[in-house]
Amino acid sequence: GHDLLQAIREDPALAPIPVVLLTARADRSDIRDGMNLGADDYLTKPFQREELLSCIRAQMVKAQSRQMAAKRAVAQAQHMALFDRVTNLPNHAQCQHLLLQALQSERTEGKGLILAIVGLDNLSTLTHALGAAQTDGFISSLAQRISAEAIQEPLSRGGPCTVARLGDDRFAVIVPQWPDTQALQALALQLLSHLSRPLQSMDT
């Protein structure tokens, strides 16, 4: 039984399977050895039918909980790899991927595309004055403003825009299907005007 248990635990495909050792050997050292090898539970003979079924049900519930926790951990890790922690916007790597997709789409459809970069000046000075936590709140508020502006006309005229955080002090806005006849200067001024409004008067 111990050899089989060890083989199961060493096989990645079988390792998540719960194992209950059922034996007539009730020596403490034997039980400890089995648990050290990775047994989930240990029943000794003689046993009652309901005792065994109850043990199996409990281990199935635990196994299901572990599987759900593992899936959540994987999903969280994938999210952290693609999205910014503070703003929950696509990060630099994900922005590059989305930009390549947008460029391929625009080449196929023959329409324009804008990549606008919004830079924040003196962020290190702000962090020194406010602290990291309050600066994160400041960054999050700016991200919400940019995202809110991205769904408004004229930015959203050609379809959904993508807002990403490229780094500590840089945001990107990918605007698809931008008409050549539409002036870019007015767009930039509109975005800057929206971002320049005091945070306290707008977000509290």
N, C-alpha and C. Protein backbone atom coordinates (compact mmCIF):
# COMPACT_ATOMS: atom_id res chain seq x y z
N GLY A 1 0.81 -1.21 0.00
CA GLY A 1 0.00 0.00 0.00
C GLY A 1 0.84 1.26 0.00
N HIS A 2 1.91 1.25 0.81
CA HIS A 2 2.79 2.42 0.84
C HIS A 2 3.50 2.62 -0.48
N ASP A 3 3.92 1.52 -1.11
CA ASP A 3 4.59 1.64 -2.41
C ASP A 3 3.64 2.21 -3.46
N LEU A 4 2.39 1.75 -3.46
CA LEU A 4 1.40 2.26 -4.40
C LEU A 4 1.13 3.74 -4.14
N LEU A 5 1.00 4.10 -2.86
CA LEU A 5 0.76 5.49 -2.50
C LEU A 5 1.90 6.38 -2.98
N GLN A 6 3.13 5.93 -2.78
CA GLN A 6 4.28 6.72 -3.20
C GLN A 6 4.29 6.89 -4.72
N ALA A 7 3.95 5.84 -5.44
CA ALA A 7 3.91 5.91 -6.91
C ALA A 7 2.84 6.90 -7.37
N ILE A 8 1.69 6.89 -6.69
CA ILE A 8 0.61 7.82 -7.04
C ILE A 8 1.05 9.27 -6.81
N ARG A 9 1.67 9.52 -5.69
CA ARG A 9 2.07 10.89 -5.36
C ARG A 9 3.20 11.40 -6.25
N GLU A 10 4.00 10.48 -6.83
CA GLU A 10 5.09 10.88 -7.70
C GLU A 10 4.65 11.10 -9.14
N ASP A 11 3.42 10.70 -9.46
CA ASP A 11 2.90 10.86 -10.82
C ASP A 11 2.03 12.13 -10.86
N PRO A 12 2.43 13.17 -11.61
CA PRO A 12 1.67 14.42 -11.64
C PRO A 12 0.21 14.24 -12.06
N ALA A 13 -0.06 13.25 -12.91
CA ALA A 13 -1.43 13.04 -13.37
C ALA A 13 -2.30 12.40 -12.28
N LEU A 14 -1.69 11.68 -11.37
CA LEU A 14 -2.44 10.96 -10.33
C LEU A 14 -2.37 11.65 -8.97
N ALA A 15 -1.41 12.54 -8.79
CA ALA A 15 -1.15 13.13 -7.48
C ALA A 15 -2.37 13.78 -6.83
N PRO A 16 -3.27 14.45 -7.59
CA PRO A 16 -4.42 15.09 -6.93
C PRO A 16 -5.46 14.12 -6.38
N ILE A 17 -5.38 12.82 -6.75
CA ILE A 17 -6.39 11.86 -6.32
C ILE A 17 -6.27 11.62 -4.82
N PRO A 18 -7.37 11.76 -4.07
CA PRO A 18 -7.29 11.48 -2.62
C PRO A 18 -7.08 9.99 -2.37
N VAL A 19 -6.29 9.68 -1.36
CA VAL A 19 -5.97 8.29 -1.03
C VAL A 19 -6.30 8.04 0.44
N VAL A 20 -7.08 7.00 0.68
CA VAL A 20 -7.40 6.57 2.03
C VAL A 20 -6.80 5.18 2.23
N LEU A 21 -5.92 5.05 3.19
CA LEU A 21 -5.32 3.75 3.47
C LEU A 21 -6.24 2.97 4.41
N LEU A 22 -6.54 1.75 4.02
CA LEU A 22 -7.42 0.88 4.79
C LEU A 22 -6.65 -0.38 5.14
N THR A 23 -6.39 -0.61 6.42
CA THR A 23 -5.51 -1.70 6.79
C THR A 23 -5.83 -2.22 8.18
N ALA A 24 -5.37 -3.42 8.43
CA ALA A 24 -5.52 -4.00 9.77
C ALA A 24 -4.35 -3.63 10.67
N ARG A 25 -3.33 -3.00 10.09
CA ARG A 25 -2.16 -2.60 10.87
C ARG A 25 -2.45 -1.25 11.52
N ALA A 26 -2.54 -1.25 12.82
CA ALA A 26 -2.91 -0.03 13.55
C ALA A 26 -1.74 0.55 14.32
N ASP A 27 -0.53 0.13 13.98
CA ASP A 27 0.64 0.66 14.66
C ASP A 27 0.82 2.14 14.32
N ARG A 28 1.13 2.94 15.33
CA ARG A 28 1.24 4.38 15.12
C ARG A 28 2.33 4.73 14.10
N SER A 29 3.43 4.05 14.16
CA SER A 29 4.52 4.34 13.22
C SER A 29 4.09 4.03 11.79
N ASP A 30 3.29 2.97 11.62
CA ASP A 30 2.80 2.61 10.29
C ASP A 30 1.85 3.68 9.77
N ILE A 31 0.98 4.16 10.66
CA ILE A 31 0.05 5.22 10.27
C ILE A 31 0.82 6.50 9.91
N ARG A 32 1.82 6.82 10.73
CA ARG A 32 2.61 8.03 10.49
C ARG A 32 3.35 7.93 9.16
N ASP A 33 3.89 6.74 8.87
CA ASP A 33 4.59 6.56 7.60
C ASP A 33 3.65 6.78 6.42
N GLY A 34 2.43 6.23 6.55
CA GLY A 34 1.46 6.41 5.47
C GLY A 34 1.08 7.87 5.27
N MET A 35 0.88 8.59 6.36
CA MET A 35 0.51 10.00 6.25
C MET A 35 1.67 10.82 5.69
N ASN A 36 2.90 10.47 6.09
CA ASN A 36 4.07 11.18 5.57
C ASN A 36 4.24 10.97 4.07
N LEU A 37 3.79 9.84 3.58
CA LEU A 37 3.87 9.57 2.15
C LEU A 37 2.77 10.29 1.35
N GLY A 38 1.82 10.86 2.06
CA GLY A 38 0.79 11.65 1.37
C GLY A 38 -0.61 11.10 1.46
N ALA A 39 -0.86 10.15 2.36
CA ALA A 39 -2.23 9.65 2.52
C ALA A 39 -3.13 10.76 3.07
N ASP A 40 -4.37 10.80 2.58
CA ASP A 40 -5.31 11.81 3.05
C ASP A 40 -6.03 11.37 4.31
N ASP A 41 -6.18 10.07 4.48
CA ASP A 41 -6.82 9.56 5.69
C ASP A 41 -6.39 8.11 5.88
N TYR A 42 -6.71 7.56 7.07
CA TYR A 42 -6.24 6.23 7.42
C TYR A 42 -7.32 5.55 8.24
N LEU A 43 -7.86 4.44 7.74
CA LEU A 43 -8.86 3.68 8.48
C LEU A 43 -8.30 2.30 8.80
N THR A 44 -8.60 1.84 10.00
CA THR A 44 -8.13 0.51 10.41
C THR A 44 -9.30 -0.46 10.52
N LYS A 45 -9.03 -1.69 10.23
CA LYS A 45 -10.03 -2.74 10.35
C LYS A 45 -10.12 -3.20 11.81
N PRO A 46 -11.30 -3.63 12.24
CA PRO A 46 -12.57 -3.64 11.49
C PRO A 46 -13.18 -2.24 11.41
N PHE A 47 -13.97 -2.01 10.38
CA PHE A 47 -14.59 -0.71 10.19
C PHE A 47 -16.05 -0.91 9.81
N GLN A 48 -16.84 0.13 10.01
CA GLN A 48 -18.24 0.12 9.63
C GLN A 48 -18.39 0.69 8.22
N ARG A 49 -19.39 0.18 7.51
CA ARG A 49 -19.62 0.63 6.14
C ARG A 49 -19.82 2.14 6.08
N GLU A 50 -20.64 2.65 6.99
CA GLU A 50 -20.92 4.08 6.98
C GLU A 50 -19.67 4.90 7.29
N GLU A 51 -18.79 4.33 8.12
CA GLU A 51 -17.54 5.01 8.43
C GLU A 51 -16.69 5.19 7.17
N LEU A 52 -16.62 4.13 6.37
CA LEU A 52 -15.85 4.19 5.13
C LEU A 52 -16.49 5.17 4.14
N LEU A 53 -17.81 5.09 3.97
CA LEU A 53 -18.50 5.98 3.03
C LEU A 53 -18.36 7.44 3.46
N SER A 54 -18.45 7.68 4.75
CA SER A 54 -18.30 9.04 5.26
C SER A 54 -16.90 9.57 4.98
N CYS A 55 -15.92 8.72 5.16
CA CYS A 55 -14.54 9.12 4.89
C CYS A 55 -14.35 9.44 3.40
N ILE A 56 -14.92 8.61 2.55
CA ILE A 56 -14.79 8.83 1.10
C ILE A 56 -15.47 10.14 0.70
N ARG A 57 -16.66 10.39 1.24
CA ARG A 57 -17.37 11.63 0.92
C ARG A 57 -16.56 12.85 1.35
N ALA A 58 -16.00 12.77 2.55
CA ALA A 58 -15.21 13.90 3.06
C ALA A 58 -13.99 14.17 2.17
N GLN A 59 -13.33 13.11 1.74
CA GLN A 59 -12.14 13.30 0.90
C GLN A 59 -12.51 13.81 -0.48
N MET A 60 -13.66 13.42 -1.01
CA MET A 60 -14.10 13.93 -2.31
C MET A 60 -14.41 15.42 -2.23
N VAL A 61 -15.02 15.83 -1.14
CA VAL A 61 -15.30 17.26 -0.94
C VAL A 61 -14.00 18.05 -0.84
N LYS A 62 -13.05 17.51 -0.07
CA LYS A 62 -11.76 18.19 0.07
C LYS A 62 -11.02 18.26 -1.27
N ALA A 63 -11.08 17.17 -2.04
CA ALA A 63 -10.41 17.15 -3.34
C ALA A 63 -11.03 18.19 -4.28
N GLN A 64 -12.35 18.27 -4.25
CA GLN A 64 -13.02 19.26 -5.09
C GLN A 64 -12.64 20.68 -4.68
N SER A 65 -12.55 20.92 -3.39
CA SER A 65 -12.16 22.24 -2.90
C SER A 65 -10.74 22.58 -3.32
N ARG A 66 -9.85 21.60 -3.26
CA ARG A 66 -8.46 21.83 -3.69
C ARG A 66 -8.39 22.14 -5.17
N GLN A 67 -9.19 21.42 -5.97
CA GLN A 67 -9.19 21.66 -7.41
C GLN A 67 -9.70 23.06 -7.73
N MET A 68 -10.75 23.49 -7.03
CA MET A 68 -11.28 24.83 -7.25
C MET A 68 -10.27 25.88 -6.83
N ALA A 69 -9.59 25.65 -5.71
CA ALA A 69 -8.57 26.59 -5.25
C ALA A 69 -7.41 26.67 -6.24
N ALA A 70 -7.03 25.52 -6.79
CA ALA A 70 -5.94 25.51 -7.77
C ALA A 70 -6.34 26.26 -9.04
N LYS A 71 -7.59 26.08 -9.49
CA LYS A 71 -8.05 26.79 -10.67
C LYS A 71 -8.08 28.29 -10.43
N ARG A 72 -8.53 28.69 -9.22
CA ARG A 72 -8.55 30.11 -8.89
C ARG A 72 -7.13 30.68 -8.87
N ALA A 73 -6.19 29.89 -8.33
CA ALA A 73 -4.80 30.36 -8.26
C ALA A 73 -4.22 30.53 -9.66
N VAL A 74 -4.53 29.58 -10.55
CA VAL A 74 -4.04 29.68 -11.93
C VAL A 74 -4.64 30.89 -12.63
N ALA A 75 -5.96 31.07 -12.45
CA ALA A 75 -6.63 32.22 -13.07
C ALA A 75 -6.07 33.53 -12.54
N GLN A 76 -5.80 33.58 -11.23
CA GLN A 76 -5.24 34.78 -10.62
C GLN A 76 -3.84 35.05 -11.16
N ALA A 77 -3.03 34.01 -11.29
CA ALA A 77 -1.68 34.18 -11.81
C ALA A 77 -1.71 34.66 -13.25
N GLN A 78 -2.62 34.11 -14.05
CA GLN A 78 -2.75 34.55 -15.44
C GLN A 78 -3.19 36.01 -15.50
N HIS A 79 -4.12 36.38 -14.62
CA HIS A 79 -4.60 37.76 -14.59
C HIS A 79 -3.47 38.70 -14.20
N MET A 80 -2.69 38.33 -13.19
CA MET A 80 -1.59 39.17 -12.73
C MET A 80 -0.52 39.32 -13.80
N ALA A 81 -0.37 38.31 -14.65
CA ALA A 81 0.63 38.37 -15.71
C ALA A 81 0.22 39.30 -16.84
N LEU A 82 -1.09 39.59 -16.96
CA LEU A 82 -1.58 40.37 -18.09
C LEU A 82 -2.18 41.71 -17.70
N PHE A 83 -2.46 41.91 -16.41
CA PHE A 83 -3.16 43.12 -15.99
C PHE A 83 -2.41 43.80 -14.85
N ASP A 84 -2.50 45.12 -14.84
CA ASP A 84 -1.83 45.93 -13.83
C ASP A 84 -2.51 45.77 -12.48
N ARG A 85 -1.71 45.66 -11.43
CA ARG A 85 -2.24 45.43 -10.09
C ARG A 85 -3.07 46.60 -9.58
N VAL A 86 -2.64 47.82 -9.85
CA VAL A 86 -3.29 49.00 -9.27
C VAL A 86 -4.56 49.38 -10.03
N THR A 87 -4.48 49.38 -11.34
CA THR A 87 -5.60 49.88 -12.16
C THR A 87 -6.48 48.78 -12.74
N ASN A 88 -5.99 47.56 -12.74
CA ASN A 88 -6.67 46.42 -13.36
C ASN A 88 -6.80 46.60 -14.88
N LEU A 89 -5.99 47.48 -15.44
CA LEU A 89 -5.94 47.66 -16.89
C LEU A 89 -4.92 46.68 -17.48
N PRO A 90 -5.01 46.40 -18.78
CA PRO A 90 -3.96 45.59 -19.41
C PRO A 90 -2.59 46.20 -19.15
N ASN A 91 -1.60 45.35 -18.87
CA ASN A 91 -0.25 45.86 -18.62
C ASN A 91 0.52 45.99 -19.92
N HIS A 92 1.82 46.25 -19.81
CA HIS A 92 2.64 46.50 -20.99
C HIS A 92 2.62 45.31 -21.95
N ALA A 93 2.81 44.11 -21.42
CA ALA A 93 2.86 42.91 -22.26
C ALA A 93 1.52 42.68 -22.97
N GLN A 94 0.43 42.81 -22.22
CA GLN A 94 -0.89 42.61 -22.82
C GLN A 94 -1.21 43.70 -23.81
N CYS A 95 -0.75 44.93 -23.54
CA CYS A 95 -0.99 46.04 -24.48
C CYS A 95 -0.30 45.76 -25.81
N GLN A 96 0.91 45.23 -25.76
CA GLN A 96 1.61 44.90 -27.00
C GLN A 96 0.82 43.87 -27.81
N HIS A 97 0.31 42.88 -27.13
CA HIS A 97 -0.48 41.84 -27.80
C HIS A 97 -1.74 42.44 -28.43
N LEU A 98 -2.44 43.28 -27.66
CA LEU A 98 -3.67 43.89 -28.17
C LEU A 98 -3.38 44.86 -29.31
N LEU A 99 -2.26 45.55 -29.23
CA LEU A 99 -1.89 46.49 -30.30
C LEU A 99 -1.60 45.74 -31.59
N LEU A 100 -0.89 44.62 -31.49
CA LEU A 100 -0.63 43.81 -32.69
C LEU A 100 -1.94 43.32 -33.31
N GLN A 101 -2.88 42.89 -32.47
CA GLN A 101 -4.18 42.46 -32.99
C GLN A 101 -4.89 43.60 -33.69
N ALA A 102 -4.85 44.79 -33.07
CA ALA A 102 -5.53 45.95 -33.66
C ALA A 102 -4.88 46.34 -34.99
N LEU A 103 -3.54 46.27 -35.06
CA LEU A 103 -2.85 46.62 -36.30
C LEU A 103 -3.20 45.64 -37.42
N GLN A 104 -3.27 44.36 -37.09
CA GLN A 104 -3.65 43.37 -38.10
C GLN A 104 -5.06 43.61 -38.59
N SER A 105 -5.96 43.94 -37.68
CA SER A 105 -7.34 44.21 -38.05
C SER A 105 -7.44 45.45 -38.92
N GLU A 106 -6.70 46.50 -38.56
CA GLU A 106 -6.75 47.75 -39.33
C GLU A 106 -6.17 47.57 -40.72
N ARG A 107 -5.12 46.74 -40.86
CA ARG A 107 -4.56 46.48 -42.18
C ARG A 107 -5.57 45.76 -43.06
N THR A 108 -6.31 44.83 -42.45
CA THR A 108 -7.31 44.08 -43.20
C THR A 108 -8.45 44.97 -43.66
N GLU A 109 -8.90 45.85 -42.77
CA GLU A 109 -10.06 46.69 -43.08
C GLU A 109 -9.67 48.00 -43.74
N GLY A 110 -8.38 48.33 -43.75
CA GLY A 110 -7.91 49.54 -44.42
C GLY A 110 -8.32 50.83 -43.75
N LYS A 111 -8.46 50.83 -42.45
CA LYS A 111 -8.84 52.04 -41.73
C LYS A 111 -7.71 52.44 -40.78
N GLY A 112 -7.81 53.66 -40.26
CA GLY A 112 -6.75 54.20 -39.43
C GLY A 112 -6.80 53.70 -38.00
N LEU A 113 -5.71 53.93 -37.29
CA LEU A 113 -5.61 53.54 -35.89
C LEU A 113 -4.73 54.56 -35.17
N ILE A 114 -5.11 54.87 -33.95
CA ILE A 114 -4.33 55.81 -33.14
C ILE A 114 -3.81 55.10 -31.91
N LEU A 115 -2.56 55.34 -31.58
CA LEU A 115 -1.99 54.92 -30.30
C LEU A 115 -1.59 56.19 -29.57
N ALA A 116 -2.36 56.54 -28.55
CA ALA A 116 -2.08 57.73 -27.76
C ALA A 116 -1.39 57.33 -26.46
N ILE A 117 -0.30 58.00 -26.13
CA ILE A 117 0.45 57.75 -24.91
C ILE A 117 0.26 58.94 -23.97
N VAL A 118 -0.21 58.65 -22.76
CA VAL A 118 -0.43 59.68 -21.75
C VAL A 118 0.64 59.53 -20.68
N GLY A 119 1.46 60.54 -20.52
CA GLY A 119 2.53 60.50 -19.53
C GLY A 119 2.21 61.36 -18.32
N LEU A 120 2.64 60.92 -17.16
CA LEU A 120 2.42 61.67 -15.92
C LEU A 120 3.75 62.25 -15.46
N ASP A 121 3.80 63.55 -15.29
CA ASP A 121 5.01 64.21 -14.84
C ASP A 121 5.13 64.18 -13.31
N ASN A 122 6.37 64.13 -12.84
CA ASN A 122 6.67 64.28 -11.41
C ASN A 122 5.98 63.25 -10.52
N LEU A 123 5.83 62.03 -11.04
CA LEU A 123 5.17 61.00 -10.24
C LEU A 123 6.00 60.64 -9.01
N SER A 124 7.31 60.62 -9.14
CA SER A 124 8.15 60.30 -7.99
C SER A 124 8.01 61.34 -6.89
N THR A 125 7.87 62.60 -7.29
CA THR A 125 7.67 63.67 -6.29
C THR A 125 6.34 63.48 -5.57
N LEU A 126 5.32 63.09 -6.33
CA LEU A 126 4.00 62.84 -5.74
C LEU A 126 4.06 61.67 -4.76
N THR A 127 4.76 60.61 -5.15
CA THR A 127 4.88 59.45 -4.28
C THR A 127 5.60 59.81 -2.98
N HIS A 128 6.64 60.64 -3.10
CA HIS A 128 7.37 61.06 -1.91
C HIS A 128 6.49 61.89 -0.98
N ALA A 129 5.60 62.70 -1.57
CA ALA A 129 4.75 63.58 -0.76
C ALA A 129 3.56 62.85 -0.16
N LEU A 130 2.94 61.95 -0.92
CA LEU A 130 1.69 61.31 -0.49
C LEU A 130 1.89 59.91 0.08
N GLY A 131 2.96 59.24 -0.32
CA GLY A 131 3.13 57.84 0.06
C GLY A 131 2.62 56.93 -1.05
N ALA A 132 3.06 55.68 -1.01
CA ALA A 132 2.74 54.73 -2.09
C ALA A 132 1.24 54.44 -2.18
N ALA A 133 0.59 54.26 -1.03
CA ALA A 133 -0.83 53.87 -1.04
C ALA A 133 -1.69 54.97 -1.66
N GLN A 134 -1.49 56.22 -1.24
CA GLN A 134 -2.29 57.31 -1.79
C GLN A 134 -1.95 57.57 -3.25
N THR A 135 -0.71 57.36 -3.63
CA THR A 135 -0.34 57.51 -5.03
C THR A 135 -1.02 56.46 -5.89
N ASP A 136 -1.12 55.24 -5.38
CA ASP A 136 -1.85 54.20 -6.10
C ASP A 136 -3.31 54.61 -6.30
N GLY A 137 -3.90 55.22 -5.27
CA GLY A 137 -5.26 55.71 -5.41
C GLY A 137 -5.37 56.79 -6.46
N PHE A 138 -4.38 57.65 -6.50
CA PHE A 138 -4.33 58.70 -7.51
C PHE A 138 -4.24 58.10 -8.91
N ILE A 139 -3.36 57.11 -9.09
CA ILE A 139 -3.19 56.45 -10.37
C ILE A 139 -4.48 55.74 -10.78
N SER A 140 -5.13 55.08 -9.82
CA SER A 140 -6.37 54.38 -10.10
C SER A 140 -7.45 55.36 -10.57
N SER A 141 -7.52 56.54 -9.94
CA SER A 141 -8.52 57.53 -10.34
C SER A 141 -8.25 58.04 -11.75
N LEU A 142 -6.99 58.26 -12.07
CA LEU A 142 -6.66 58.70 -13.43
C LEU A 142 -7.01 57.62 -14.45
N ALA A 143 -6.76 56.37 -14.09
CA ALA A 143 -7.10 55.27 -15.00
C ALA A 143 -8.60 55.23 -15.25
N GLN A 144 -9.39 55.47 -14.21
CA GLN A 144 -10.84 55.49 -14.37
C GLN A 144 -11.26 56.64 -15.27
N ARG A 145 -10.59 57.77 -15.17
CA ARG A 145 -10.92 58.91 -16.02
C ARG A 145 -10.62 58.61 -17.49
N ILE A 146 -9.43 58.05 -17.72
CA ILE A 146 -9.07 57.73 -19.10
C ILE A 146 -10.03 56.70 -19.68
N SER A 147 -10.38 55.69 -18.89
CA SER A 147 -11.32 54.66 -19.36
C SER A 147 -12.69 55.25 -19.64
N ALA A 148 -13.13 56.18 -18.78
CA ALA A 148 -14.42 56.83 -18.99
C ALA A 148 -14.40 57.67 -20.25
N GLU A 149 -13.29 58.33 -20.50
CA GLU A 149 -13.17 59.16 -21.71
C GLU A 149 -13.11 58.29 -22.95
N ALA A 150 -12.55 57.09 -22.83
CA ALA A 150 -12.38 56.22 -23.99
C ALA A 150 -13.69 55.68 -24.53
N ILE A 151 -14.74 55.70 -23.72
CA ILE A 151 -16.04 55.21 -24.21
C ILE A 151 -16.92 56.35 -24.72
N GLN A 152 -16.40 57.58 -24.67
CA GLN A 152 -17.15 58.73 -25.14
C GLN A 152 -16.80 59.05 -26.60
N GLU A 153 -17.68 59.80 -27.24
CA GLU A 153 -17.36 60.33 -28.57
C GLU A 153 -16.30 61.42 -28.41
N PRO A 154 -15.39 61.59 -29.39
CA PRO A 154 -15.30 60.81 -30.64
C PRO A 154 -14.42 59.57 -30.54
N LEU A 155 -13.81 59.33 -29.36
CA LEU A 155 -12.89 58.20 -29.25
C LEU A 155 -13.54 56.87 -29.61
N SER A 156 -14.76 56.67 -29.17
CA SER A 156 -15.42 55.38 -29.35
C SER A 156 -16.14 55.26 -30.68
N ARG A 157 -16.00 56.22 -31.55
CA ARG A 157 -16.77 56.22 -32.79
C ARG A 157 -16.46 55.02 -33.65
N GLY A 158 -15.20 54.61 -33.68
CA GLY A 158 -14.83 53.49 -34.55
C GLY A 158 -14.92 52.13 -33.87
N GLY A 159 -15.30 52.10 -32.62
CA GLY A 159 -15.39 50.85 -31.90
C GLY A 159 -14.76 50.98 -30.52
N PRO A 160 -14.80 49.93 -29.74
CA PRO A 160 -14.26 49.98 -28.37
C PRO A 160 -12.77 50.30 -28.36
N CYS A 161 -12.38 51.21 -27.49
CA CYS A 161 -10.97 51.55 -27.32
C CYS A 161 -10.35 50.65 -26.25
N THR A 162 -9.03 50.55 -26.30
CA THR A 162 -8.29 49.81 -25.29
C THR A 162 -7.43 50.79 -24.50
N VAL A 163 -7.57 50.75 -23.18
CA VAL A 163 -6.74 51.57 -22.29
C VAL A 163 -5.83 50.63 -21.52
N ALA A 164 -4.55 50.93 -21.49
CA ALA A 164 -3.57 50.07 -20.81
C ALA A 164 -2.62 50.93 -20.00
N ARG A 165 -1.99 50.30 -19.01
CA ARG A 165 -0.95 50.97 -18.23
C ARG A 165 0.39 50.39 -18.64
N LEU A 166 1.24 51.21 -19.21
CA LEU A 166 2.52 50.74 -19.74
C LEU A 166 3.60 50.69 -18.67
N GLY A 167 3.46 51.49 -17.64
CA GLY A 167 4.45 51.55 -16.57
C GLY A 167 3.94 52.44 -15.47
N ASP A 168 4.81 52.81 -14.56
CA ASP A 168 4.37 53.63 -13.43
C ASP A 168 3.72 54.92 -13.88
N ASP A 169 4.28 55.58 -14.89
CA ASP A 169 3.81 56.92 -15.27
C ASP A 169 3.36 57.00 -16.72
N ARG A 170 2.95 55.89 -17.32
CA ARG A 170 2.53 55.90 -18.71
C ARG A 170 1.26 55.07 -18.91
N PHE A 171 0.33 55.68 -19.63
CA PHE A 171 -0.88 54.98 -20.07
C PHE A 171 -0.92 54.99 -21.60
N ALA A 172 -1.58 54.00 -22.15
CA ALA A 172 -1.77 53.94 -23.61
C ALA A 172 -3.25 53.84 -23.91
N VAL A 173 -3.66 54.49 -24.99
CA VAL A 173 -5.04 54.40 -25.47
C VAL A 173 -4.98 53.99 -26.94
N ILE A 174 -5.52 52.83 -27.23
CA ILE A 174 -5.58 52.35 -28.62
C ILE A 174 -6.96 52.66 -29.17
N VAL A 175 -7.00 53.51 -30.19
CA VAL A 175 -8.27 53.95 -30.78
C VAL A 175 -8.39 53.34 -32.17
N PRO A 176 -9.33 52.43 -32.38
CA PRO A 176 -9.46 51.78 -33.69
C PRO A 176 -10.28 52.61 -34.67
N GLN A 177 -10.01 52.38 -35.96
CA GLN A 177 -10.82 52.93 -37.04
C GLN A 177 -11.01 54.44 -36.92
N TRP A 178 -9.92 55.14 -36.72
CA TRP A 178 -9.98 56.60 -36.61
C TRP A 178 -9.99 57.20 -38.02
N PRO A 179 -10.99 58.02 -38.35
CA PRO A 179 -11.06 58.61 -39.69
C PRO A 179 -9.93 59.61 -39.93
N ASP A 180 -9.35 59.58 -41.13
CA ASP A 180 -8.23 60.48 -41.45
C ASP A 180 -8.64 61.94 -41.41
N THR A 181 -9.92 62.19 -41.61
CA THR A 181 -10.37 63.58 -41.66
C THR A 181 -10.55 64.20 -40.27
N GLN A 182 -10.54 63.39 -39.24
CA GLN A 182 -10.75 63.88 -37.88
C GLN A 182 -9.44 64.40 -37.30
N ALA A 183 -9.44 65.64 -36.84
CA ALA A 183 -8.22 66.25 -36.31
C ALA A 183 -7.80 65.56 -35.02
N LEU A 184 -6.51 65.30 -34.91
CA LEU A 184 -5.99 64.65 -33.71
C LEU A 184 -5.74 65.63 -32.58
N GLN A 185 -5.45 66.86 -32.92
CA GLN A 185 -5.14 67.85 -31.88
C GLN A 185 -6.34 68.06 -30.96
N ALA A 186 -7.53 68.15 -31.54
CA ALA A 186 -8.73 68.34 -30.72
C ALA A 186 -8.94 67.16 -29.79
N LEU A 187 -8.65 65.97 -30.29
CA LEU A 187 -8.78 64.77 -29.46
C LEU A 187 -7.81 64.82 -28.27
N ALA A 188 -6.56 65.18 -28.53
CA ALA A 188 -5.56 65.25 -27.46
C ALA A 188 -5.94 66.31 -26.44
N LEU A 189 -6.41 67.45 -26.89
CA LEU A 189 -6.80 68.52 -25.98
C LEU A 189 -8.00 68.10 -25.12
N GLN A 190 -8.93 67.38 -25.73
CA GLN A 190 -10.10 66.92 -24.98
C GLN A 190 -9.68 65.95 -23.87
N LEU A 191 -8.78 65.04 -24.19
CA LEU A 191 -8.32 64.06 -23.21
C LEU A 191 -7.54 64.74 -22.09
N LEU A 192 -6.64 65.65 -22.46
CA LEU A 192 -5.85 66.35 -21.45
C LEU A 192 -6.71 67.22 -20.56
N SER A 193 -7.72 67.86 -21.15
CA SER A 193 -8.61 68.71 -20.35
C SER A 193 -9.36 67.87 -19.32
N HIS A 194 -9.79 66.70 -19.72
CA HIS A 194 -10.52 65.82 -18.81
C HIS A 194 -9.62 65.35 -17.67
N LEU A 195 -8.36 65.05 -17.99
CA LEU A 195 -7.43 64.55 -16.98
C LEU A 195 -6.92 65.64 -16.06
N SER A 196 -6.96 66.87 -16.51
CA SER A 196 -6.38 67.98 -15.74
C SER A 196 -7.29 68.50 -14.66
N ARG A 197 -8.51 68.10 -14.63
CA ARG A 197 -9.43 68.58 -13.60
C ARG A 197 -9.01 68.03 -12.25
N PRO A 198 -9.14 68.83 -11.19
CA PRO A 198 -8.69 68.38 -9.85
C PRO A 198 -9.37 67.09 -9.43
N LEU A 199 -8.60 66.20 -8.86
CA LEU A 199 -9.15 64.93 -8.42
C LEU A 199 -10.18 65.11 -7.31
N GLN A 200 -9.90 66.00 -6.39
CA GLN A 200 -10.80 66.15 -5.24
C GLN A 200 -12.18 66.61 -5.67
N SER A 201 -12.24 67.54 -6.59
CA SER A 201 -13.53 68.08 -6.99
C SER A 201 -14.32 67.14 -7.86
N MET A 202 -13.62 66.19 -8.50
CA MET A 202 -14.30 65.30 -9.44
C MET A 202 -14.61 63.94 -8.86
N ASP A 203 -13.71 63.38 -8.01
CA ASP A 203 -13.82 61.98 -7.62
C ASP A 203 -14.25 61.79 -6.17
N THR A 204 -14.58 62.83 -5.44
CA THR A 204 -15.02 62.66 -4.07
C THR A 204 -16.41 63.24 -3.90
